[in-house]
Amino acid sequence: MKLQNDTFLRALCKLPTEYTPIWLMRQAGRYLPEYRRTRSEAGSFMGLAT
């Protein structure tokens, strides 16, 4: 099976990538106080990504 976008896996293997992928723990907002505080300061989930 060939992946359409293997950028994240390539970065994990320390291979060159066109850009640096990021991992967002969106589900953590329900549980982690630190994430909830950061999100409240950003105003929205998309505000965290910009």
N, C-alpha and C. Protein backbone atom coordinates (compact mmCIF):
# COMPACT_ATOMS: atom_id res chain seq x y z
N MET A 1 0.84 -1.18 0.00
CA MET A 1 0.00 0.00 0.00
C MET A 1 0.88 1.24 0.00
N LYS A 2 0.69 2.12 -0.94
CA LYS A 2 1.48 3.35 -1.06
C LYS A 2 0.71 4.51 -0.43
N LEU A 3 1.36 5.25 0.44
CA LEU A 3 0.73 6.41 1.06
C LEU A 3 0.75 7.59 0.09
N GLN A 4 -0.30 8.39 0.13
CA GLN A 4 -0.33 9.59 -0.70
C GLN A 4 0.56 10.68 -0.11
N ASN A 5 0.65 10.72 1.22
CA ASN A 5 1.46 11.74 1.88
C ASN A 5 2.19 11.07 3.04
N ASP A 6 3.46 10.83 2.85
CA ASP A 6 4.25 10.17 3.89
C ASP A 6 5.21 11.13 4.60
N THR A 7 4.90 12.42 4.53
CA THR A 7 5.79 13.43 5.11
C THR A 7 6.04 13.20 6.59
N PHE A 8 5.00 12.91 7.34
CA PHE A 8 5.16 12.70 8.78
C PHE A 8 6.05 11.50 9.06
N LEU A 9 5.82 10.42 8.34
CA LEU A 9 6.64 9.22 8.54
C LEU A 9 8.09 9.47 8.14
N ARG A 10 8.30 10.23 7.06
CA ARG A 10 9.67 10.55 6.64
C ARG A 10 10.38 11.38 7.71
N ALA A 11 9.67 12.33 8.30
CA ALA A 11 10.26 13.15 9.36
C ALA A 11 10.60 12.30 10.58
N LEU A 12 9.75 11.34 10.91
CA LEU A 12 10.04 10.45 12.03
C LEU A 12 11.32 9.65 11.82
N CYS A 13 11.58 9.32 10.56
CA CYS A 13 12.79 8.56 10.21
C CYS A 13 13.99 9.46 9.96
N LYS A 14 13.82 10.77 10.21
CA LYS A 14 14.88 11.77 10.01
C LYS A 14 15.34 11.83 8.56
N LEU A 15 14.39 11.65 7.64
CA LEU A 15 14.65 11.79 6.22
C LEU A 15 14.25 13.20 5.78
N PRO A 16 14.82 13.71 4.70
CA PRO A 16 14.46 15.06 4.23
C PRO A 16 12.97 15.15 3.86
N THR A 17 12.37 16.28 4.19
CA THR A 17 10.97 16.55 3.83
C THR A 17 10.88 17.96 3.26
N GLU A 18 9.82 18.22 2.50
CA GLU A 18 9.63 19.54 1.90
C GLU A 18 9.24 20.58 2.95
N TYR A 19 8.62 20.13 4.02
CA TYR A 19 8.20 21.02 5.11
C TYR A 19 8.21 20.22 6.41
N THR A 20 8.14 20.92 7.52
CA THR A 20 8.14 20.27 8.82
C THR A 20 6.70 19.99 9.24
N PRO A 21 6.32 18.73 9.33
CA PRO A 21 4.95 18.42 9.74
C PRO A 21 4.77 18.65 11.24
N ILE A 22 3.54 18.94 11.64
CA ILE A 22 3.24 19.11 13.07
C ILE A 22 2.14 18.14 13.46
N TRP A 23 2.09 17.81 14.73
CA TRP A 23 1.07 16.90 15.26
C TRP A 23 0.30 17.68 16.31
N LEU A 24 -1.00 17.80 16.12
CA LEU A 24 -1.84 18.50 17.08
C LEU A 24 -2.69 17.50 17.84
N MET A 25 -2.67 17.61 19.16
CA MET A 25 -3.46 16.70 19.99
C MET A 25 -4.82 17.33 20.27
N ARG A 26 -5.67 17.36 19.30
CA ARG A 26 -6.97 18.00 19.46
C ARG A 26 -7.80 17.35 20.56
N GLN A 27 -7.80 16.05 20.67
CA GLN A 27 -8.60 15.37 21.69
C GLN A 27 -8.12 15.69 23.11
N ALA A 28 -6.90 16.15 23.25
CA ALA A 28 -6.36 16.44 24.58
C ALA A 28 -7.10 17.60 25.24
N GLY A 29 -7.78 18.42 24.46
CA GLY A 29 -8.48 19.56 25.02
C GLY A 29 -9.51 19.20 26.06
N ARG A 30 -10.01 18.00 25.97
CA ARG A 30 -11.01 17.57 26.95
C ARG A 30 -10.38 17.22 28.29
N TYR A 31 -9.10 16.92 28.30
CA TYR A 31 -8.49 16.33 29.49
C TYR A 31 -7.35 17.14 30.10
N LEU A 32 -6.51 17.75 29.26
CA LEU A 32 -5.32 18.41 29.79
C LEU A 32 -5.59 19.88 30.12
N PRO A 33 -5.41 20.27 31.38
CA PRO A 33 -5.63 21.66 31.76
C PRO A 33 -4.72 22.62 30.98
N GLU A 34 -3.48 22.20 30.70
CA GLU A 34 -2.55 23.06 29.98
C GLU A 34 -3.06 23.35 28.57
N TYR A 35 -3.58 22.33 27.91
CA TYR A 35 -4.11 22.50 26.56
C TYR A 35 -5.35 23.41 26.59
N ARG A 36 -6.23 23.21 27.56
CA ARG A 36 -7.44 24.02 27.66
C ARG A 36 -7.08 25.48 27.90
N ARG A 37 -6.08 25.74 28.73
CA ARG A 37 -5.65 27.11 29.00
C ARG A 37 -5.07 27.75 27.74
N THR A 38 -4.21 27.01 27.03
CA THR A 38 -3.62 27.53 25.79
C THR A 38 -4.69 27.81 24.75
N ARG A 39 -5.65 26.90 24.63
CA ARG A 39 -6.71 27.09 23.64
C ARG A 39 -7.58 28.29 24.00
N SER A 40 -7.85 28.50 25.28
CA SER A 40 -8.67 29.65 25.66
C SER A 40 -7.95 30.96 25.34
N GLU A 41 -6.64 30.97 25.44
CA GLU A 41 -5.87 32.17 25.09
C GLU A 41 -5.83 32.38 23.58
N ALA A 42 -5.82 31.31 22.79
CA ALA A 42 -5.77 31.41 21.33
C ALA A 42 -7.13 31.79 20.76
N GLY A 43 -8.21 31.49 21.46
CA GLY A 43 -9.54 31.84 20.99
C GLY A 43 -10.24 30.74 20.22
N SER A 44 -9.50 29.93 19.49
CA SER A 44 -10.10 28.84 18.73
C SER A 44 -9.03 27.81 18.41
N PHE A 45 -9.46 26.65 17.98
CA PHE A 45 -8.50 25.61 17.59
C PHE A 45 -7.63 26.08 16.43
N MET A 46 -8.24 26.73 15.45
CA MET A 46 -7.47 27.21 14.29
C MET A 46 -6.50 28.32 14.70
N GLY A 47 -6.83 29.07 15.74
CA GLY A 47 -5.92 30.09 16.25
C GLY A 47 -4.62 29.49 16.77
N LEU A 48 -4.68 28.26 17.22
CA LEU A 48 -3.48 27.57 17.68
C LEU A 48 -2.54 27.25 16.53
N ALA A 49 -3.11 27.00 15.36
CA ALA A 49 -2.32 26.56 14.21
C ALA A 49 -1.72 27.72 13.43
N THR A 50 -2.14 28.93 13.70
CA THR A 50 -1.63 30.08 12.93
C THR A 50 -0.66 30.89 13.73
